[in-house]
Amino acid sequence: MSIRERIAALGLQLPEAPAPKGDYVPVTIHGGVAYVSGQVCRLGDGVICGPVTDETSPVRVTQAGQTCALRALSVLDQAVGLDNVERILFVRGFVFGGEGFQRFSTVVDGASQVLIDVLGEAGRHARSAVGVAGLPSGGMLELEVTAVIRTTG
């Protein structure tokens, strides 16, 4: 099953690759490694907003992670094609947490699960989850992804 077929079978859809909102590029590739710029959990014209608290719906938290991961995959697809992603090396999640919230890793779990579901073992990765005082547009999560790219030649 191709990666695109797997995405469809999971009931997911890649969003249009977002354009940078500043003076940077969506992906930098060096030495066969792709570094994806931070992807905030945007849905269409809206943002899944933080801060996340212990009372935030688990469905909303999972949706934030899934949205960030799909945006990162979309950017990788535009840059190199998903079939050329050999594996995900590292994921870094920045979580806009409310006062007293400590379960930052649970917010990143939805993103990790999407990468594993879509890419199989190649989607398993090391990661960190860090709490922050705010994110662009008030988003709940911003995700950075580092991936190995297949090289020919």
N, C-alpha and C. Protein backbone atom coordinates (compact mmCIF):
# COMPACT_ATOMS: atom_id res chain seq x y z
N MET A 1 0.86 -1.17 0.00
CA MET A 1 0.00 0.00 0.00
C MET A 1 0.90 1.23 0.00
N SER A 2 0.60 2.17 -0.89
CA SER A 2 1.40 3.40 -0.94
C SER A 2 1.10 4.27 0.28
N ILE A 3 1.94 5.24 0.51
CA ILE A 3 1.74 6.15 1.65
C ILE A 3 0.43 6.92 1.48
N ARG A 4 0.15 7.38 0.28
CA ARG A 4 -1.10 8.11 0.04
C ARG A 4 -2.32 7.21 0.27
N GLU A 5 -2.23 5.94 -0.14
CA GLU A 5 -3.33 5.00 0.09
C GLU A 5 -3.50 4.74 1.59
N ARG A 6 -2.39 4.66 2.32
CA ARG A 6 -2.46 4.45 3.76
C ARG A 6 -3.12 5.65 4.44
N ILE A 7 -2.77 6.86 4.01
CA ILE A 7 -3.37 8.07 4.57
C ILE A 7 -4.89 8.04 4.36
N ALA A 8 -5.31 7.70 3.15
CA ALA A 8 -6.75 7.63 2.85
C ALA A 8 -7.42 6.52 3.66
N ALA A 9 -6.78 5.36 3.78
CA ALA A 9 -7.35 4.24 4.53
C ALA A 9 -7.52 4.59 6.01
N LEU A 10 -6.68 5.46 6.51
CA LEU A 10 -6.77 5.90 7.91
C LEU A 10 -7.85 6.97 8.10
N GLY A 11 -8.46 7.40 6.98
CA GLY A 11 -9.48 8.44 7.05
C GLY A 11 -8.88 9.83 7.24
N LEU A 12 -7.61 9.97 6.88
CA LEU A 12 -6.91 11.24 7.02
C LEU A 12 -6.74 11.88 5.65
N GLN A 13 -6.38 13.14 5.65
CA GLN A 13 -6.14 13.86 4.41
C GLN A 13 -5.01 14.84 4.63
N LEU A 14 -4.07 14.87 3.67
CA LEU A 14 -3.00 15.86 3.75
C LEU A 14 -3.57 17.23 3.40
N PRO A 15 -3.32 18.22 4.22
CA PRO A 15 -3.74 19.57 3.86
C PRO A 15 -2.81 20.12 2.79
N GLU A 16 -3.19 21.23 2.21
CA GLU A 16 -2.30 21.92 1.30
C GLU A 16 -1.07 22.37 2.10
N ALA A 17 0.11 22.19 1.50
CA ALA A 17 1.34 22.58 2.20
C ALA A 17 1.28 24.07 2.50
N PRO A 18 1.45 24.43 3.77
CA PRO A 18 1.36 25.85 4.13
C PRO A 18 2.57 26.64 3.65
N ALA A 19 2.31 27.86 3.24
CA ALA A 19 3.39 28.77 2.85
C ALA A 19 3.97 29.40 4.11
N PRO A 20 5.25 29.71 4.10
CA PRO A 20 5.85 30.37 5.27
C PRO A 20 5.18 31.70 5.55
N LYS A 21 5.07 32.03 6.82
CA LYS A 21 4.49 33.31 7.23
C LYS A 21 5.59 34.26 7.71
N GLY A 22 6.78 34.07 7.17
CA GLY A 22 7.92 34.90 7.54
C GLY A 22 9.07 34.65 6.59
N ASP A 23 10.23 35.08 6.98
CA ASP A 23 11.43 34.96 6.13
C ASP A 23 12.19 33.68 6.46
N TYR A 24 11.61 32.55 6.05
CA TYR A 24 12.22 31.24 6.25
C TYR A 24 11.66 30.30 5.20
N VAL A 25 12.23 29.11 5.11
CA VAL A 25 11.73 28.10 4.17
C VAL A 25 11.03 26.99 4.96
N PRO A 26 10.06 26.31 4.35
CA PRO A 26 9.33 25.26 5.05
C PRO A 26 10.20 24.05 5.41
N VAL A 27 11.18 23.76 4.54
CA VAL A 27 12.06 22.60 4.74
C VAL A 27 13.46 22.98 4.29
N THR A 28 14.43 22.60 5.09
CA THR A 28 15.84 22.70 4.69
C THR A 28 16.38 21.29 4.62
N ILE A 29 17.07 20.98 3.52
CA ILE A 29 17.65 19.64 3.35
C ILE A 29 19.15 19.78 3.26
N HIS A 30 19.84 18.96 4.05
CA HIS A 30 21.30 18.96 4.03
C HIS A 30 21.78 17.56 4.38
N GLY A 31 22.66 17.03 3.55
CA GLY A 31 23.24 15.73 3.83
C GLY A 31 22.22 14.61 3.96
N GLY A 32 21.15 14.67 3.20
CA GLY A 32 20.13 13.63 3.25
C GLY A 32 19.17 13.74 4.42
N VAL A 33 19.24 14.85 5.15
CA VAL A 33 18.34 15.05 6.28
C VAL A 33 17.47 16.28 6.00
N ALA A 34 16.16 16.13 6.22
CA ALA A 34 15.21 17.23 6.03
C ALA A 34 14.79 17.75 7.39
N TYR A 35 14.87 19.07 7.55
CA TYR A 35 14.44 19.74 8.77
C TYR A 35 13.20 20.54 8.43
N VAL A 36 12.06 20.13 8.99
CA VAL A 36 10.78 20.79 8.71
C VAL A 36 10.57 21.91 9.73
N SER A 37 10.32 23.10 9.22
CA SER A 37 10.01 24.23 10.09
C SER A 37 8.78 23.92 10.93
N GLY A 38 8.66 24.59 12.06
CA GLY A 38 7.56 24.36 12.99
C GLY A 38 6.20 24.50 12.32
N GLN A 39 5.35 23.53 12.58
CA GLN A 39 3.99 23.52 12.04
C GLN A 39 3.00 23.67 13.19
N VAL A 40 2.23 24.75 13.16
CA VAL A 40 1.22 25.01 14.17
C VAL A 40 -0.07 24.30 13.76
N CYS A 41 -0.89 23.95 14.73
CA CYS A 41 -2.10 23.16 14.47
C CYS A 41 -3.22 24.03 13.87
N ARG A 42 -3.08 24.34 12.58
CA ARG A 42 -4.09 25.11 11.85
C ARG A 42 -5.02 24.16 11.12
N LEU A 43 -6.31 24.48 11.19
CA LEU A 43 -7.34 23.76 10.44
C LEU A 43 -8.01 24.77 9.54
N GLY A 44 -7.73 24.70 8.25
CA GLY A 44 -8.28 25.70 7.34
C GLY A 44 -7.78 27.08 7.72
N ASP A 45 -8.71 27.99 7.96
CA ASP A 45 -8.35 29.35 8.36
C ASP A 45 -8.24 29.52 9.88
N GLY A 46 -8.58 28.47 10.62
CA GLY A 46 -8.57 28.55 12.07
C GLY A 46 -7.37 27.84 12.69
N VAL A 47 -7.26 28.00 14.00
CA VAL A 47 -6.18 27.39 14.76
C VAL A 47 -6.79 26.65 15.94
N ILE A 48 -6.26 25.47 16.25
CA ILE A 48 -6.66 24.80 17.48
C ILE A 48 -5.89 25.50 18.59
N CYS A 49 -6.59 26.29 19.35
CA CYS A 49 -5.95 27.21 20.30
C CYS A 49 -5.66 26.58 21.65
N GLY A 50 -4.61 27.10 22.25
CA GLY A 50 -4.25 26.78 23.62
C GLY A 50 -4.69 27.93 24.49
N PRO A 51 -4.34 27.93 25.72
CA PRO A 51 -3.49 26.91 26.32
C PRO A 51 -4.26 25.63 26.62
N VAL A 52 -3.53 24.52 26.64
CA VAL A 52 -4.12 23.23 27.02
C VAL A 52 -4.10 23.14 28.54
N THR A 53 -5.17 22.59 29.09
CA THR A 53 -5.27 22.39 30.54
C THR A 53 -5.70 20.95 30.79
N ASP A 54 -5.76 20.58 32.04
CA ASP A 54 -6.22 19.23 32.39
C ASP A 54 -7.69 19.03 32.02
N GLU A 55 -8.41 20.11 31.78
CA GLU A 55 -9.83 20.03 31.41
C GLU A 55 -10.06 20.03 29.90
N THR A 56 -9.00 20.24 29.12
CA THR A 56 -9.15 20.26 27.66
C THR A 56 -9.56 18.88 27.18
N SER A 57 -10.48 18.84 26.26
CA SER A 57 -10.98 17.58 25.70
C SER A 57 -9.84 16.76 25.10
N PRO A 58 -9.74 15.47 25.46
CA PRO A 58 -8.71 14.62 24.85
C PRO A 58 -8.83 14.55 23.33
N VAL A 59 -10.06 14.64 22.82
CA VAL A 59 -10.25 14.63 21.36
C VAL A 59 -9.59 15.85 20.74
N ARG A 60 -9.75 17.00 21.36
CA ARG A 60 -9.14 18.25 20.86
C ARG A 60 -7.62 18.17 20.92
N VAL A 61 -7.09 17.60 21.99
CA VAL A 61 -5.64 17.44 22.14
C VAL A 61 -5.09 16.53 21.05
N THR A 62 -5.76 15.41 20.82
CA THR A 62 -5.33 14.48 19.76
C THR A 62 -5.42 15.15 18.40
N GLN A 63 -6.48 15.90 18.17
CA GLN A 63 -6.67 16.60 16.90
C GLN A 63 -5.53 17.60 16.65
N ALA A 64 -5.08 18.28 17.68
CA ALA A 64 -3.97 19.22 17.53
C ALA A 64 -2.72 18.50 17.05
N GLY A 65 -2.40 17.37 17.67
CA GLY A 65 -1.22 16.60 17.27
C GLY A 65 -1.34 16.06 15.85
N GLN A 66 -2.50 15.51 15.53
CA GLN A 66 -2.71 14.97 14.18
C GLN A 66 -2.56 16.06 13.13
N THR A 67 -3.14 17.21 13.41
CA THR A 67 -3.10 18.32 12.45
C THR A 67 -1.66 18.77 12.19
N CYS A 68 -0.87 18.90 13.24
CA CYS A 68 0.54 19.30 13.07
C CYS A 68 1.31 18.27 12.26
N ALA A 69 1.11 16.98 12.57
CA ALA A 69 1.83 15.92 11.86
C ALA A 69 1.44 15.90 10.38
N LEU A 70 0.16 16.05 10.08
CA LEU A 70 -0.27 16.05 8.68
C LEU A 70 0.28 17.26 7.93
N ARG A 71 0.36 18.40 8.58
CA ARG A 71 0.95 19.59 7.96
C ARG A 71 2.44 19.35 7.68
N ALA A 72 3.14 18.72 8.62
CA ALA A 72 4.56 18.42 8.41
C ALA A 72 4.74 17.43 7.26
N LEU A 73 3.90 16.41 7.19
CA LEU A 73 3.97 15.46 6.08
C LEU A 73 3.67 16.14 4.75
N SER A 74 2.74 17.07 4.75
CA SER A 74 2.40 17.80 3.53
C SER A 74 3.59 18.62 3.03
N VAL A 75 4.28 19.25 3.96
CA VAL A 75 5.46 20.05 3.60
C VAL A 75 6.57 19.14 3.06
N LEU A 76 6.76 17.99 3.70
CA LEU A 76 7.75 17.02 3.21
C LEU A 76 7.37 16.51 1.83
N ASP A 77 6.08 16.24 1.64
CA ASP A 77 5.60 15.76 0.34
C ASP A 77 5.90 16.78 -0.75
N GLN A 78 5.63 18.05 -0.46
CA GLN A 78 5.90 19.10 -1.45
C GLN A 78 7.40 19.22 -1.73
N ALA A 79 8.22 19.07 -0.72
CA ALA A 79 9.67 19.27 -0.88
C ALA A 79 10.35 18.09 -1.56
N VAL A 80 10.00 16.86 -1.16
CA VAL A 80 10.75 15.70 -1.66
C VAL A 80 9.88 14.53 -2.10
N GLY A 81 8.58 14.59 -1.81
CA GLY A 81 7.70 13.46 -2.07
C GLY A 81 7.73 12.49 -0.90
N LEU A 82 6.58 12.07 -0.42
CA LEU A 82 6.53 11.20 0.75
C LEU A 82 7.20 9.85 0.53
N ASP A 83 7.21 9.37 -0.71
CA ASP A 83 7.87 8.09 -0.99
C ASP A 83 9.38 8.18 -0.81
N ASN A 84 9.91 9.38 -0.73
CA ASN A 84 11.35 9.57 -0.53
C ASN A 84 11.72 9.81 0.93
N VAL A 85 10.73 9.73 1.82
CA VAL A 85 11.03 9.85 3.26
C VAL A 85 11.42 8.46 3.75
N GLU A 86 12.69 8.32 4.10
CA GLU A 86 13.20 7.03 4.56
C GLU A 86 12.76 6.73 5.99
N ARG A 87 12.83 7.73 6.84
CA ARG A 87 12.36 7.57 8.22
C ARG A 87 12.30 8.92 8.93
N ILE A 88 11.49 8.96 9.95
CA ILE A 88 11.43 10.14 10.81
C ILE A 88 12.46 9.91 11.93
N LEU A 89 13.35 10.88 12.10
CA LEU A 89 14.37 10.77 13.14
C LEU A 89 13.92 11.35 14.46
N PHE A 90 13.38 12.58 14.40
CA PHE A 90 13.12 13.31 15.63
C PHE A 90 11.92 14.22 15.47
N VAL A 91 11.14 14.31 16.52
CA VAL A 91 10.00 15.22 16.58
C VAL A 91 10.15 16.06 17.85
N ARG A 92 9.97 17.35 17.69
CA ARG A 92 10.02 18.27 18.85
C ARG A 92 8.69 19.01 18.90
N GLY A 93 8.01 18.85 20.03
CA GLY A 93 6.72 19.51 20.20
C GLY A 93 6.80 20.61 21.24
N PHE A 94 6.28 21.77 20.87
CA PHE A 94 6.17 22.91 21.78
C PHE A 94 4.69 23.04 22.14
N VAL A 95 4.37 22.91 23.40
CA VAL A 95 2.99 22.87 23.85
C VAL A 95 2.67 24.14 24.65
N PHE A 96 1.63 24.85 24.22
CA PHE A 96 1.15 26.03 24.94
C PHE A 96 0.30 25.51 26.10
N GLY A 97 0.93 25.43 27.27
CA GLY A 97 0.27 24.86 28.43
C GLY A 97 -0.28 25.93 29.36
N GLY A 98 -1.43 25.61 29.93
CA GLY A 98 -2.03 26.50 30.92
C GLY A 98 -1.36 26.32 32.28
N GLU A 99 -1.71 27.18 33.19
CA GLU A 99 -1.12 27.17 34.53
C GLU A 99 -1.29 25.79 35.18
N GLY A 100 -0.17 25.23 35.60
CA GLY A 100 -0.17 23.94 36.28
C GLY A 100 -0.17 22.73 35.38
N PHE A 101 -0.39 22.89 34.08
CA PHE A 101 -0.41 21.74 33.17
C PHE A 101 0.99 21.17 33.01
N GLN A 102 1.12 19.85 33.15
CA GLN A 102 2.43 19.20 33.08
C GLN A 102 2.51 18.06 32.07
N ARG A 103 1.41 17.65 31.50
CA ARG A 103 1.39 16.47 30.62
C ARG A 103 1.65 16.85 29.16
N PHE A 104 2.77 17.52 28.94
CA PHE A 104 3.10 18.02 27.60
C PHE A 104 3.24 16.87 26.59
N SER A 105 3.81 15.77 27.02
CA SER A 105 4.02 14.66 26.08
C SER A 105 2.70 14.10 25.55
N THR A 106 1.62 14.17 26.34
CA THR A 106 0.34 13.65 25.86
C THR A 106 -0.19 14.47 24.69
N VAL A 107 0.18 15.74 24.63
CA VAL A 107 -0.27 16.59 23.52
C VAL A 107 0.44 16.20 22.23
N VAL A 108 1.66 15.72 22.35
CA VAL A 108 2.45 15.34 21.17
C VAL A 108 2.12 13.91 20.72
N ASP A 109 1.47 13.13 21.58
CA ASP A 109 1.16 11.74 21.25
C ASP A 109 0.36 11.60 19.96
N GLY A 110 -0.60 12.49 19.72
CA GLY A 110 -1.40 12.39 18.50
C GLY A 110 -0.56 12.54 17.25
N ALA A 111 0.45 13.41 17.32
CA ALA A 111 1.36 13.60 16.17
C ALA A 111 2.21 12.35 15.97
N SER A 112 2.76 11.83 17.05
CA SER A 112 3.59 10.62 16.94
C SER A 112 2.80 9.47 16.34
N GLN A 113 1.55 9.31 16.80
CA GLN A 113 0.74 8.20 16.31
C GLN A 113 0.46 8.32 14.82
N VAL A 114 0.20 9.54 14.33
CA VAL A 114 -0.04 9.73 12.89
C VAL A 114 1.21 9.34 12.10
N LEU A 115 2.37 9.76 12.55
CA LEU A 115 3.60 9.44 11.82
C LEU A 115 3.84 7.93 11.78
N ILE A 116 3.56 7.25 12.87
CA ILE A 116 3.72 5.79 12.90
C ILE A 116 2.66 5.11 12.05
N ASP A 117 1.41 5.56 12.15
CA ASP A 117 0.33 4.97 11.35
C ASP A 117 0.58 5.15 9.86
N VAL A 118 1.08 6.30 9.46
CA VAL A 118 1.28 6.59 8.04
C VAL A 118 2.55 5.92 7.50
N LEU A 119 3.63 5.97 8.26
CA LEU A 119 4.93 5.51 7.76
C LEU A 119 5.37 4.16 8.33
N GLY A 120 4.59 3.57 9.20
CA GLY A 120 4.96 2.30 9.81
C GLY A 120 6.20 2.48 10.69
N GLU A 121 7.05 1.48 10.72
CA GLU A 121 8.27 1.54 11.55
C GLU A 121 9.14 2.73 11.19
N ALA A 122 9.10 3.17 9.95
CA ALA A 122 9.90 4.33 9.53
C ALA A 122 9.39 5.61 10.20
N GLY A 123 8.19 5.56 10.76
CA GLY A 123 7.64 6.72 11.44
C GLY A 123 7.99 6.80 12.92
N ARG A 124 8.57 5.71 13.47
CA ARG A 124 8.97 5.72 14.89
C ARG A 124 10.15 6.66 15.04
N HIS A 125 10.15 7.44 16.10
CA HIS A 125 11.13 8.51 16.21
C HIS A 125 11.46 8.80 17.67
N ALA A 126 12.56 9.48 17.87
CA ALA A 126 12.87 10.09 19.16
C ALA A 126 12.11 11.40 19.22
N ARG A 127 11.85 11.91 20.44
CA ARG A 127 11.12 13.17 20.49
C ARG A 127 11.30 13.85 21.84
N SER A 128 10.92 15.11 21.84
CA SER A 128 10.81 15.86 23.09
C SER A 128 9.52 16.66 23.05
N ALA A 129 9.01 16.98 24.23
CA ALA A 129 7.80 17.79 24.37
C ALA A 129 8.09 18.84 25.43
N VAL A 130 7.97 20.09 25.05
CA VAL A 130 8.35 21.20 25.91
C VAL A 130 7.16 22.12 26.11
N GLY A 131 6.92 22.53 27.34
CA GLY A 131 5.87 23.50 27.63
C GLY A 131 6.37 24.92 27.39
N VAL A 132 5.53 25.73 26.76
CA VAL A 132 5.88 27.13 26.47
C VAL A 132 4.73 28.04 26.88
N ALA A 133 5.05 29.34 27.02
CA ALA A 133 4.07 30.32 27.48
C ALA A 133 3.14 30.81 26.38
N GLY A 134 3.42 30.48 25.14
CA GLY A 134 2.57 30.90 24.03
C GLY A 134 3.16 30.43 22.71
N LEU A 135 2.31 30.39 21.68
CA LEU A 135 2.73 29.97 20.34
C LEU A 135 2.09 30.90 19.31
N PRO A 136 2.61 30.89 18.06
CA PRO A 136 2.02 31.73 17.02
C PRO A 136 0.50 31.49 16.90
N SER A 137 -0.22 32.56 16.75
CA SER A 137 -1.69 32.54 16.61
C SER A 137 -2.40 31.89 17.79
N GLY A 138 -1.71 31.72 18.90
CA GLY A 138 -2.33 31.12 20.08
C GLY A 138 -2.51 29.62 19.97
N GLY A 139 -1.82 28.98 19.02
CA GLY A 139 -1.96 27.54 18.81
C GLY A 139 -1.63 26.73 20.04
N MET A 140 -2.21 25.54 20.14
CA MET A 140 -1.97 24.64 21.25
C MET A 140 -0.62 23.92 21.11
N LEU A 141 -0.20 23.65 19.86
CA LEU A 141 0.99 22.85 19.62
C LEU A 141 1.71 23.36 18.37
N GLU A 142 3.02 23.36 18.43
CA GLU A 142 3.87 23.58 17.25
C GLU A 142 4.82 22.41 17.19
N LEU A 143 4.99 21.83 15.99
CA LEU A 143 5.76 20.61 15.81
C LEU A 143 6.88 20.82 14.81
N GLU A 144 8.09 20.42 15.19
CA GLU A 144 9.23 20.36 14.27
C GLU A 144 9.52 18.89 13.99
N VAL A 145 9.86 18.57 12.75
CA VAL A 145 10.14 17.19 12.36
C VAL A 145 11.47 17.14 11.62
N THR A 146 12.27 16.14 11.95
CA THR A 146 13.52 15.88 11.25
C THR A 146 13.42 14.50 10.62
N ALA A 147 13.70 14.40 9.32
CA ALA A 147 13.52 13.14 8.59
C ALA A 147 14.74 12.86 7.71
N VAL A 148 15.01 11.57 7.52
CA VAL A 148 16.03 11.13 6.57
C VAL A 148 15.35 10.99 5.21
N ILE A 149 16.01 11.51 4.19
CA ILE A 149 15.50 11.47 2.84
C ILE A 149 16.32 10.48 2.02
N ARG A 150 15.63 9.66 1.24
CA ARG A 150 16.34 8.73 0.35
C ARG A 150 17.08 9.54 -0.70
N THR A 151 18.32 9.20 -0.91
CA THR A 151 19.09 9.86 -1.95
C THR A 151 19.41 8.86 -3.03
N THR A 152 19.45 9.33 -4.26
CA THR A 152 19.79 8.45 -5.39
C THR A 152 21.18 8.80 -5.86
N GLY A 153 21.80 7.85 -6.45
CA GLY A 153 23.08 8.18 -7.04
C GLY A 153 24.16 7.46 -6.40
